[in-house]
Amino acid sequence: MNFDEMADKLSAHPDFKVKRRLVPIFDFGPGSGAPTKRVLILDTETTGLDWRAGNIIELAMLSVAVDMQTGQPWVWLRSMKISKIRADPSQQKL
């Protein structure tokens, strides 16, 4: 049994939910020629969902040029990931 078959079998059971890896899209085709606006997407990974008790453990940022006419991303400008934050623990509180 390969991984896809195992995932399909687990997905069929009501006690399991199988998440699959997303395939990134890097080519959104030609832009419309309209102006673009730079947008920064910030993703945070934390130790929990409670902002009073959780710590930030990873930050990821992605700078994207967005076509203002279509609202679609046009160019991935830059990606940066910061892992293993070693700041003072009091600075990691959400």
PDB file of N, CA and C in Angstrom:
ATOM      1  N   MET A   1       0.855  -1.178   0.000  1.00  0.00           N
ATOM      2  CA  MET A   1       0.000   0.000   0.000  1.00  0.00           C
ATOM      3  C   MET A   1       0.900   1.241   0.000  1.00  0.00           C
ATOM      4  N   ASN A   2       0.668   2.179  -0.930  1.00  0.00           N
ATOM      5  CA  ASN A   2       1.483   3.397  -0.968  1.00  0.00           C
ATOM      6  C   ASN A   2       0.845   4.475  -0.077  1.00  0.00           C
ATOM      7  N   PHE A   3       1.520   5.618   0.038  1.00  0.00           N
ATOM      8  CA  PHE A   3       1.056   6.673   0.941  1.00  0.00           C
ATOM      9  C   PHE A   3      -0.317   7.219   0.541  1.00  0.00           C
ATOM     10  N   ASP A   4      -0.548   7.379  -0.760  1.00  0.00           N
ATOM     11  CA  ASP A   4      -1.852   7.898  -1.198  1.00  0.00           C
ATOM     12  C   ASP A   4      -2.978   6.942  -0.834  1.00  0.00           C
ATOM     13  N   GLU A   5      -2.746   5.653  -0.997  1.00  0.00           N
ATOM     14  CA  GLU A   5      -3.755   4.651  -0.648  1.00  0.00           C
ATOM     15  C   GLU A   5      -4.023   4.652   0.858  1.00  0.00           C
ATOM     16  N   MET A   6      -2.947   4.779   1.655  1.00  0.00           N
ATOM     17  CA  MET A   6      -3.112   4.836   3.112  1.00  0.00           C
ATOM     18  C   MET A   6      -3.905   6.077   3.512  1.00  0.00           C
ATOM     19  N   ALA A   7      -3.584   7.224   2.886  1.00  0.00           N
ATOM     20  CA  ALA A   7      -4.290   8.467   3.201  1.00  0.00           C
ATOM     21  C   ALA A   7      -5.761   8.354   2.824  1.00  0.00           C
ATOM     22  N   ASP A   8      -6.052   7.758   1.673  1.00  0.00           N
ATOM     23  CA  ASP A   8      -7.442   7.586   1.247  1.00  0.00           C
ATOM     24  C   ASP A   8      -8.210   6.697   2.218  1.00  0.00           C
ATOM     25  N   LYS A   9      -7.554   5.648   2.689  1.00  0.00           N
ATOM     26  CA  LYS A   9      -8.203   4.729   3.631  1.00  0.00           C
ATOM     27  C   LYS A   9      -8.501   5.438   4.960  1.00  0.00           C
ATOM     28  N   LEU A  10      -7.531   6.214   5.455  1.00  0.00           N
ATOM     29  CA  LEU A  10      -7.759   6.969   6.687  1.00  0.00           C
ATOM     30  C   LEU A  10      -8.848   8.018   6.508  1.00  0.00           C
ATOM     31  N   SER A  11      -8.861   8.694   5.380  1.00  0.00           N
ATOM     32  CA  SER A  11      -9.861   9.734   5.116  1.00  0.00           C
ATOM     33  C   SER A  11     -11.275   9.180   5.118  1.00  0.00           C
ATOM     34  N   ALA A  12     -11.426   7.933   4.734  1.00  0.00           N
ATOM     35  CA  ALA A  12     -12.749   7.307   4.681  1.00  0.00           C
ATOM     36  C   ALA A  12     -13.311   7.025   6.077  1.00  0.00           C
ATOM     37  N   HIS A  13     -12.442   7.013   7.089  1.00  0.00           N
ATOM     38  CA  HIS A  13     -12.867   6.720   8.461  1.00  0.00           C
ATOM     39  C   HIS A  13     -13.295   8.029   9.143  1.00  0.00           C
ATOM     40  N   PRO A  14     -14.412   8.040   9.879  1.00  0.00           N
ATOM     41  CA  PRO A  14     -14.904   9.285  10.486  1.00  0.00           C
ATOM     42  C   PRO A  14     -14.019   9.830  11.615  1.00  0.00           C
ATOM     43  N   ASP A  15     -13.127   9.005  12.178  1.00  0.00           N
ATOM     44  CA  ASP A  15     -12.279   9.465  13.283  1.00  0.00           C
ATOM     45  C   ASP A  15     -11.005  10.155  12.817  1.00  0.00           C
ATOM     46  N   PHE A  16     -10.744  10.189  11.517  1.00  0.00           N
ATOM     47  CA  PHE A  16      -9.493  10.739  11.024  1.00  0.00           C
ATOM     48  C   PHE A  16      -9.727  11.811   9.981  1.00  0.00           C
ATOM     49  N   LYS A  17      -8.837  12.789   9.986  1.00  0.00           N
ATOM     50  CA  LYS A  17      -8.822  13.813   8.942  1.00  0.00           C
ATOM     51  C   LYS A  17      -7.399  13.850   8.397  1.00  0.00           C
ATOM     52  N   VAL A  18      -7.261  13.704   7.122  1.00  0.00           N
ATOM     53  CA  VAL A  18      -5.941  13.664   6.500  1.00  0.00           C
ATOM     54  C   VAL A  18      -5.685  14.986   5.796  1.00  0.00           C
ATOM     55  N   LYS A  19      -4.583  15.605   6.138  1.00  0.00           N
ATOM     56  CA  LYS A  19      -4.175  16.841   5.475  1.00  0.00           C
ATOM     57  C   LYS A  19      -3.132  16.495   4.424  1.00  0.00           C
ATOM     58  N   ARG A  20      -3.246  17.107   3.290  1.00  0.00           N
ATOM     59  CA  ARG A  20      -2.300  16.862   2.199  1.00  0.00           C
ATOM     60  C   ARG A  20      -1.505  18.132   1.932  1.00  0.00           C
ATOM     61  N   ARG A  21      -0.279  17.928   1.517  1.00  0.00           N
ATOM     62  CA  ARG A  21       0.611  19.036   1.206  1.00  0.00           C
ATOM     63  C   ARG A  21       0.068  19.836   0.028  1.00  0.00           C
ATOM     64  N   LEU A  22       0.090  21.148   0.173  1.00  0.00           N
ATOM     65  CA  LEU A  22      -0.331  22.014  -0.921  1.00  0.00           C
ATOM     66  C   LEU A  22       0.818  22.177  -1.910  1.00  0.00           C
ATOM     67  N   VAL A  23       0.485  22.217  -3.168  1.00  0.00           N
ATOM     68  CA  VAL A  23       1.487  22.456  -4.202  1.00  0.00           C
ATOM     69  C   VAL A  23       1.543  23.959  -4.435  1.00  0.00           C
ATOM     70  N   PRO A  24       2.701  24.585  -4.196  1.00  0.00           N
ATOM     71  CA  PRO A  24       2.773  26.041  -4.357  1.00  0.00           C
ATOM     72  C   PRO A  24       2.606  26.464  -5.817  1.00  0.00           C
ATOM     73  N   ILE A  25       1.977  27.602  -6.000  1.00  0.00           N
ATOM     74  CA  ILE A  25       1.817  28.181  -7.329  1.00  0.00           C
ATOM     75  C   ILE A  25       2.743  29.390  -7.406  1.00  0.00           C
ATOM     76  N   PHE A  26       3.661  29.370  -8.364  1.00  0.00           N
ATOM     77  CA  PHE A  26       4.599  30.478  -8.513  1.00  0.00           C
ATOM     78  C   PHE A  26       4.334  31.286  -9.776  1.00  0.00           C
ATOM     79  N   ASP A  27       3.546  30.770 -10.700  1.00  0.00           N
ATOM     80  CA  ASP A  27       3.284  31.473 -11.948  1.00  0.00           C
ATOM     81  C   ASP A  27       1.794  31.787 -12.039  1.00  0.00           C
ATOM     82  N   PHE A  28       1.455  33.062 -11.925  1.00  0.00           N
ATOM     83  CA  PHE A  28       0.065  33.493 -12.002  1.00  0.00           C
ATOM     84  C   PHE A  28      -0.252  34.097 -13.364  1.00  0.00           C
ATOM     85  N   GLY A  29       0.621  33.864 -14.326  1.00  0.00           N
ATOM     86  CA  GLY A  29       0.405  34.389 -15.667  1.00  0.00           C
ATOM     87  C   GLY A  29       0.790  35.853 -15.747  1.00  0.00           C
ATOM     88  N   PRO A  30       0.586  36.435 -16.908  1.00  0.00           N
ATOM     89  CA  PRO A  30       0.960  37.841 -17.075  1.00  0.00           C
ATOM     90  C   PRO A  30       0.045  38.752 -16.265  1.00  0.00           C
ATOM     91  N   GLY A  31       0.595  39.849 -15.794  1.00  0.00           N
ATOM     92  CA  GLY A  31      -0.211  40.824 -15.075  1.00  0.00           C
ATOM     93  C   GLY A  31      -1.142  41.549 -16.027  1.00  0.00           C
ATOM     94  N   SER A  32      -2.070  42.300 -15.478  1.00  0.00           N
ATOM     95  CA  SER A  32      -3.048  43.018 -16.296  1.00  0.00           C
ATOM     96  C   SER A  32      -2.483  44.324 -16.837  1.00  0.00           C
ATOM     97  N   GLY A  33      -1.316  44.716 -16.332  1.00  0.00           N
ATOM     98  CA  GLY A  33      -0.751  46.007 -16.706  1.00  0.00           C
ATOM     99  C   GLY A  33      -1.181  47.112 -15.756  1.00  0.00           C
ATOM    100  N   ALA A  34      -2.089  46.784 -14.833  1.00  0.00           N
ATOM    101  CA  ALA A  34      -2.543  47.759 -13.838  1.00  0.00           C
ATOM    102  C   ALA A  34      -1.445  47.958 -12.793  1.00  0.00           C
ATOM    103  N   PRO A  35      -1.541  49.018 -12.026  1.00  0.00           N
ATOM    104  CA  PRO A  35      -0.561  49.230 -10.960  1.00  0.00           C
ATOM    105  C   PRO A  35      -0.576  48.060  -9.958  1.00  0.00           C
ATOM    106  N   THR A  36       0.559  47.871  -9.323  1.00  0.00           N
ATOM    107  CA  THR A  36       0.653  46.838  -8.288  1.00  0.00           C
ATOM    108  C   THR A  36       0.904  47.503  -6.941  1.00  0.00           C
ATOM    109  N   LYS A  37       0.596  46.779  -5.907  1.00  0.00           N
ATOM    110  CA  LYS A  37       0.843  47.250  -4.546  1.00  0.00           C
ATOM    111  C   LYS A  37       1.576  46.148  -3.799  1.00  0.00           C
ATOM    112  N   ARG A  38       2.595  46.508  -3.056  1.00  0.00           N
ATOM    113  CA  ARG A  38       3.344  45.532  -2.274  1.00  0.00           C
ATOM    114  C   ARG A  38       2.584  45.202  -1.000  1.00  0.00           C
ATOM    115  N   VAL A  39       2.469  43.902  -0.723  1.00  0.00           N
ATOM    116  CA  VAL A  39       1.776  43.407   0.455  1.00  0.00           C
ATOM    117  C   VAL A  39       2.733  42.487   1.195  1.00  0.00           C
ATOM    118  N   LEU A  40       2.778  42.600   2.506  1.00  0.00           N
ATOM    119  CA  LEU A  40       3.595  41.712   3.324  1.00  0.00           C
ATOM    120  C   LEU A  40       2.669  40.763   4.066  1.00  0.00           C
ATOM    121  N   ILE A  41       2.880  39.471   3.846  1.00  0.00           N
ATOM    122  CA  ILE A  41       2.091  38.443   4.520  1.00  0.00           C
ATOM    123  C   ILE A  41       2.932  37.924   5.681  1.00  0.00           C
ATOM    124  N   LEU A  42       2.373  37.940   6.877  1.00  0.00           N
ATOM    125  CA  LEU A  42       3.087  37.506   8.076  1.00  0.00           C
ATOM    126  C   LEU A  42       2.395  36.278   8.651  1.00  0.00           C
ATOM    127  N   ASP A  43       3.163  35.213   8.829  1.00  0.00           N
ATOM    128  CA  ASP A  43       2.648  33.977   9.419  1.00  0.00           C
ATOM    129  C   ASP A  43       3.375  33.757  10.733  1.00  0.00           C
ATOM    130  N   THR A  44       2.643  33.481  11.787  1.00  0.00           N
ATOM    131  CA  THR A  44       3.265  33.208  13.084  1.00  0.00           C
ATOM    132  C   THR A  44       2.943  31.785  13.520  1.00  0.00           C
ATOM    133  N   GLU A  45       3.923  31.149  14.086  1.00  0.00           N
ATOM    134  CA  GLU A  45       3.736  29.837  14.710  1.00  0.00           C
ATOM    135  C   GLU A  45       3.900  30.050  16.205  1.00  0.00           C
ATOM    136  N   THR A  46       2.941  29.548  16.967  1.00  0.00           N
ATOM    137  CA  THR A  46       2.962  29.746  18.413  1.00  0.00           C
ATOM    138  C   THR A  46       2.848  28.411  19.138  1.00  0.00           C
ATOM    139  N   THR A  47       3.089  28.465  20.428  1.00  0.00           N
ATOM    140  CA  THR A  47       3.015  27.253  21.239  1.00  0.00           C
ATOM    141  C   THR A  47       1.592  26.926  21.666  1.00  0.00           C
ATOM    142  N   GLY A  48       0.638  27.780  21.346  1.00  0.00           N
ATOM    143  CA  GLY A  48      -0.744  27.504  21.720  1.00  0.00           C
ATOM    144  C   GLY A  48      -1.674  28.538  21.147  1.00  0.00           C
ATOM    145  N   LEU A  49      -2.953  28.387  21.447  1.00  0.00           N
ATOM    146  CA  LEU A  49      -3.962  29.297  20.922  1.00  0.00           C
ATOM    147  C   LEU A  49      -4.320  30.416  21.902  1.00  0.00           C
ATOM    148  N   ASP A  50      -3.932  30.282  23.149  1.00  0.00           N
ATOM    149  CA  ASP A  50      -4.237  31.285  24.166  1.00  0.00           C
ATOM    150  C   ASP A  50      -3.148  32.355  24.150  1.00  0.00           C
ATOM    151  N   TRP A  51      -3.471  33.572  23.739  1.00  0.00           N
ATOM    152  CA  TRP A  51      -2.475  34.626  23.619  1.00  0.00           C
ATOM    153  C   TRP A  51      -1.852  35.000  24.957  1.00  0.00           C
ATOM    154  N   ARG A  52      -2.543  34.707  26.061  1.00  0.00           N
ATOM    155  CA  ARG A  52      -1.991  35.035  27.377  1.00  0.00           C
ATOM    156  C   ARG A  52      -0.906  34.062  27.808  1.00  0.00           C
ATOM    157  N   ALA A  53      -0.934  32.848  27.298  1.00  0.00           N
ATOM    158  CA  ALA A  53       0.020  31.831  27.747  1.00  0.00           C
ATOM    159  C   ALA A  53       0.974  31.379  26.641  1.00  0.00           C
ATOM    160  N   GLY A  54       0.672  31.676  25.391  1.00  0.00           N
ATOM    161  CA  GLY A  54       1.470  31.172  24.281  1.00  0.00           C
ATOM    162  C   GLY A  54       2.718  31.979  24.010  1.00  0.00           C
ATOM    163  N   ASN A  55       3.663  31.352  23.337  1.00  0.00           N
ATOM    164  CA  ASN A  55       4.897  32.005  22.908  1.00  0.00           C
ATOM    165  C   ASN A  55       5.008  31.931  21.394  1.00  0.00           C
ATOM    166  N   ILE A  56       5.627  32.949  20.797  1.00  0.00           N
ATOM    167  CA  ILE A  56       5.923  32.907  19.377  1.00  0.00           C
ATOM    168  C   ILE A  56       7.184  32.082  19.196  1.00  0.00           C
ATOM    169  N   ILE A  57       7.126  31.063  18.338  1.00  0.00           N
ATOM    170  CA  ILE A  57       8.296  30.218  18.122  1.00  0.00           C
ATOM    171  C   ILE A  57       8.849  30.341  16.701  1.00  0.00           C
ATOM    172  N   GLU A  58       8.071  30.916  15.781  1.00  0.00           N
ATOM    173  CA  GLU A  58       8.563  31.069  14.413  1.00  0.00           C
ATOM    174  C   GLU A  58       7.759  32.151  13.707  1.00  0.00           C
ATOM    175  N   LEU A  59       8.466  32.934  12.894  1.00  0.00           N
ATOM    176  CA  LEU A  59       7.828  33.935  12.047  1.00  0.00           C
ATOM    177  C   LEU A  59       8.213  33.661  10.609  1.00  0.00           C
ATOM    178  N   ALA A  60       7.287  33.842   9.695  1.00  0.00           N
ATOM    179  CA  ALA A  60       7.584  33.752   8.267  1.00  0.00           C
ATOM    180  C   ALA A  60       6.926  34.944   7.592  1.00  0.00           C
ATOM    181  N   MET A  61       7.667  35.575   6.689  1.00  0.00           N
ATOM    182  CA  MET A  61       7.149  36.741   5.986  1.00  0.00           C
ATOM    183  C   MET A  61       7.322  36.541   4.493  1.00  0.00           C
ATOM    184  N   LEU A  62       6.348  37.001   3.740  1.00  0.00           N
ATOM    185  CA  LEU A  62       6.393  36.894   2.294  1.00  0.00           C
ATOM    186  C   LEU A  62       5.951  38.227   1.715  1.00  0.00           C
ATOM    187  N   SER A  63       6.805  38.834   0.899  1.00  0.00           N
ATOM    188  CA  SER A  63       6.481  40.083   0.245  1.00  0.00           C
ATOM    189  C   SER A  63       5.978  39.764  -1.160  1.00  0.00           C
ATOM    190  N   VAL A  64       4.786  40.271  -1.498  1.00  0.00           N
ATOM    191  CA  VAL A  64       4.133  39.948  -2.758  1.00  0.00           C
ATOM    192  C   VAL A  64       3.672  41.237  -3.430  1.00  0.00           C
ATOM    193  N   ALA A  65       3.841  41.313  -4.752  1.00  0.00           N
ATOM    194  CA  ALA A  65       3.244  42.406  -5.520  1.00  0.00           C
ATOM    195  C   ALA A  65       1.864  41.937  -5.962  1.00  0.00           C
ATOM    196  N   VAL A  66       0.831  42.708  -5.637  1.00  0.00           N
ATOM    197  CA  VAL A  66      -0.546  42.345  -5.959  1.00  0.00           C
ATOM    198  C   VAL A  66      -1.053  43.270  -7.069  1.00  0.00           C
ATOM    199  N   ASP A  67      -1.640  42.675  -8.084  1.00  0.00           N
ATOM    200  CA  ASP A  67      -2.248  43.417  -9.190  1.00  0.00           C
ATOM    201  C   ASP A  67      -3.491  44.117  -8.649  1.00  0.00           C
ATOM    202  N   MET A  68      -3.521  45.440  -8.681  1.00  0.00           N
ATOM    203  CA  MET A  68      -4.616  46.202  -8.075  1.00  0.00           C
ATOM    204  C   MET A  68      -5.921  46.069  -8.855  1.00  0.00           C
ATOM    205  N   GLN A  69      -5.858  45.673 -10.111  1.00  0.00           N
ATOM    206  CA  GLN A  69      -7.082  45.516 -10.896  1.00  0.00           C
ATOM    207  C   GLN A  69      -7.756  44.175 -10.612  1.00  0.00           C
ATOM    208  N   THR A  70      -6.945  43.109 -10.527  1.00  0.00           N
ATOM    209  CA  THR A  70      -7.508  41.767 -10.354  1.00  0.00           C
ATOM    210  C   THR A  70      -7.469  41.282  -8.909  1.00  0.00           C
ATOM    211  N   GLY A  71      -6.585  41.863  -8.098  1.00  0.00           N
ATOM    212  CA  GLY A  71      -6.419  41.391  -6.725  1.00  0.00           C
ATOM    213  C   GLY A  71      -5.582  40.134  -6.619  1.00  0.00           C
ATOM    214  N   GLN A  72      -5.034  39.685  -7.738  1.00  0.00           N
ATOM    215  CA  GLN A  72      -4.227  38.463  -7.756  1.00  0.00           C
ATOM    216  C   GLN A  72      -2.762  38.772  -7.471  1.00  0.00           C
ATOM    217  N   PRO A  73      -2.070  37.857  -6.790  1.00  0.00           N
ATOM    218  CA  PRO A  73      -0.623  38.050  -6.635  1.00  0.00           C
ATOM    219  C   PRO A  73       0.011  38.012  -8.008  1.00  0.00           C
ATOM    220  N   TRP A  74       1.034  38.821  -8.195  1.00  0.00           N
ATOM    221  CA  TRP A  74       1.675  38.877  -9.493  1.00  0.00           C
ATOM    222  C   TRP A  74       3.128  38.435  -9.411  1.00  0.00           C
ATOM    223  N   VAL A  75       3.834  38.903  -8.413  1.00  0.00           N
ATOM    224  CA  VAL A  75       5.259  38.570  -8.275  1.00  0.00           C
ATOM    225  C   VAL A  75       5.552  38.293  -6.803  1.00  0.00           C
ATOM    226  N   TRP A  76       6.200  37.155  -6.544  1.00  0.00           N
ATOM    227  CA  TRP A  76       6.710  36.900  -5.198  1.00  0.00           C
ATOM    228  C   TRP A  76       7.999  37.695  -5.084  1.00  0.00           C
ATOM    229  N   LEU A  77       8.041  38.692  -4.244  1.00  0.00           N
ATOM    230  CA  LEU A  77       9.194  39.567  -4.173  1.00  0.00           C
ATOM    231  C   LEU A  77      10.291  39.028  -3.264  1.00  0.00           C
ATOM    232  N   ARG A  78       9.898  38.485  -2.120  1.00  0.00           N
ATOM    233  CA  ARG A  78      10.908  38.017  -1.178  1.00  0.00           C
ATOM    234  C   ARG A  78      10.237  37.160  -0.113  1.00  0.00           C
ATOM    235  N   SER A  79      10.947  36.148   0.331  1.00  0.00           N
ATOM    236  CA  SER A  79      10.437  35.303   1.398  1.00  0.00           C
ATOM    237  C   SER A  79      11.498  35.198   2.481  1.00  0.00           C
ATOM    238  N   MET A  80      11.096  35.235   3.738  1.00  0.00           N
ATOM    239  CA  MET A  80      12.051  35.136   4.836  1.00  0.00           C
ATOM    240  C   MET A  80      11.404  34.357   5.968  1.00  0.00           C
ATOM    241  N   LYS A  81      12.171  33.466   6.559  1.00  0.00           N
ATOM    242  CA  LYS A  81      11.678  32.668   7.673  1.00  0.00           C
ATOM    243  C   LYS A  81      12.633  32.843   8.843  1.00  0.00           C
ATOM    244  N   ILE A  82      12.098  33.103  10.003  1.00  0.00           N
ATOM    245  CA  ILE A  82      12.897  33.236  11.220  1.00  0.00           C
ATOM    246  C   ILE A  82      12.474  32.124  12.154  1.00  0.00           C
ATOM    247  N   SER A  83      13.388  31.213  12.431  1.00  0.00           N
ATOM    248  CA  SER A  83      13.077  30.079  13.300  1.00  0.00           C
ATOM    249  C   SER A  83      13.863  30.182  14.599  1.00  0.00           C
ATOM    250  N   LYS A  84      13.412  29.447  15.569  1.00  0.00           N
ATOM    251  CA  LYS A  84      14.111  29.323  16.843  1.00  0.00           C
ATOM    252  C   LYS A  84      14.421  30.694  17.431  1.00  0.00           C
ATOM    253  N   ILE A  85      13.396  31.433  17.697  1.00  0.00           N
ATOM    254  CA  ILE A  85      13.574  32.764  18.271  1.00  0.00           C
ATOM    255  C   ILE A  85      14.249  32.623  19.624  1.00  0.00           C
ATOM    256  N   ARG A  86      15.355  33.355  19.797  1.00  0.00           N
ATOM    257  CA  ARG A  86      16.131  33.224  21.025  1.00  0.00           C
ATOM    258  C   ARG A  86      16.096  34.510  21.842  1.00  0.00           C
ATOM    259  N   ALA A  87      15.053  35.251  21.705  1.00  0.00           N
ATOM    260  CA  ALA A  87      14.935  36.500  22.472  1.00  0.00           C
ATOM    261  C   ALA A  87      14.620  36.184  23.927  1.00  0.00           C
ATOM    262  N   ASP A  88      14.659  37.212  24.718  1.00  0.00           N
ATOM    263  CA  ASP A  88      14.245  37.106  26.110  1.00  0.00           C
ATOM    264  C   ASP A  88      12.821  36.539  26.141  1.00  0.00           C
ATOM    265  N   PRO A  89      12.566  35.485  26.927  1.00  0.00           N
ATOM    266  CA  PRO A  89      11.235  34.873  26.961  1.00  0.00           C
ATOM    267  C   PRO A  89      10.106  35.874  27.206  1.00  0.00           C
ATOM    268  N   SER A  90      10.364  36.938  27.927  1.00  0.00           N
ATOM    269  CA  SER A  90       9.314  37.924  28.170  1.00  0.00           C
ATOM    270  C   SER A  90       8.938  38.648  26.876  1.00  0.00           C
ATOM    271  N   GLN A  91       9.837  38.677  25.913  1.00  0.00           N
ATOM    272  CA  GLN A  91       9.555  39.313  24.617  1.00  0.00           C
ATOM    273  C   GLN A  91       8.799  38.398  23.673  1.00  0.00           C
ATOM    274  N   GLN A  92       8.694  37.117  24.005  1.00  0.00           N
ATOM    275  CA  GLN A  92       8.013  36.171  23.142  1.00  0.00           C
ATOM    276  C   GLN A  92       6.531  36.067  23.448  1.00  0.00           C
ATOM    277  N   LYS A  93       6.085  36.658  24.524  1.00  0.00           N
ATOM    278  CA  LYS A  93       4.670  36.582  24.872  1.00  0.00           C
ATOM    279  C   LYS A  93       3.844  37.267  23.814  1.00  0.00           C
ATOM    280  N   LEU A  94       2.704  36.683  23.497  1.00  0.00           N
ATOM    281  CA  LEU A  94       1.821  37.251  22.471  1.00  0.00           C
ATOM    282  C   LEU A  94       1.092  38.470  22.979  1.00  0.00           C
TER     283      LEU A  94
END
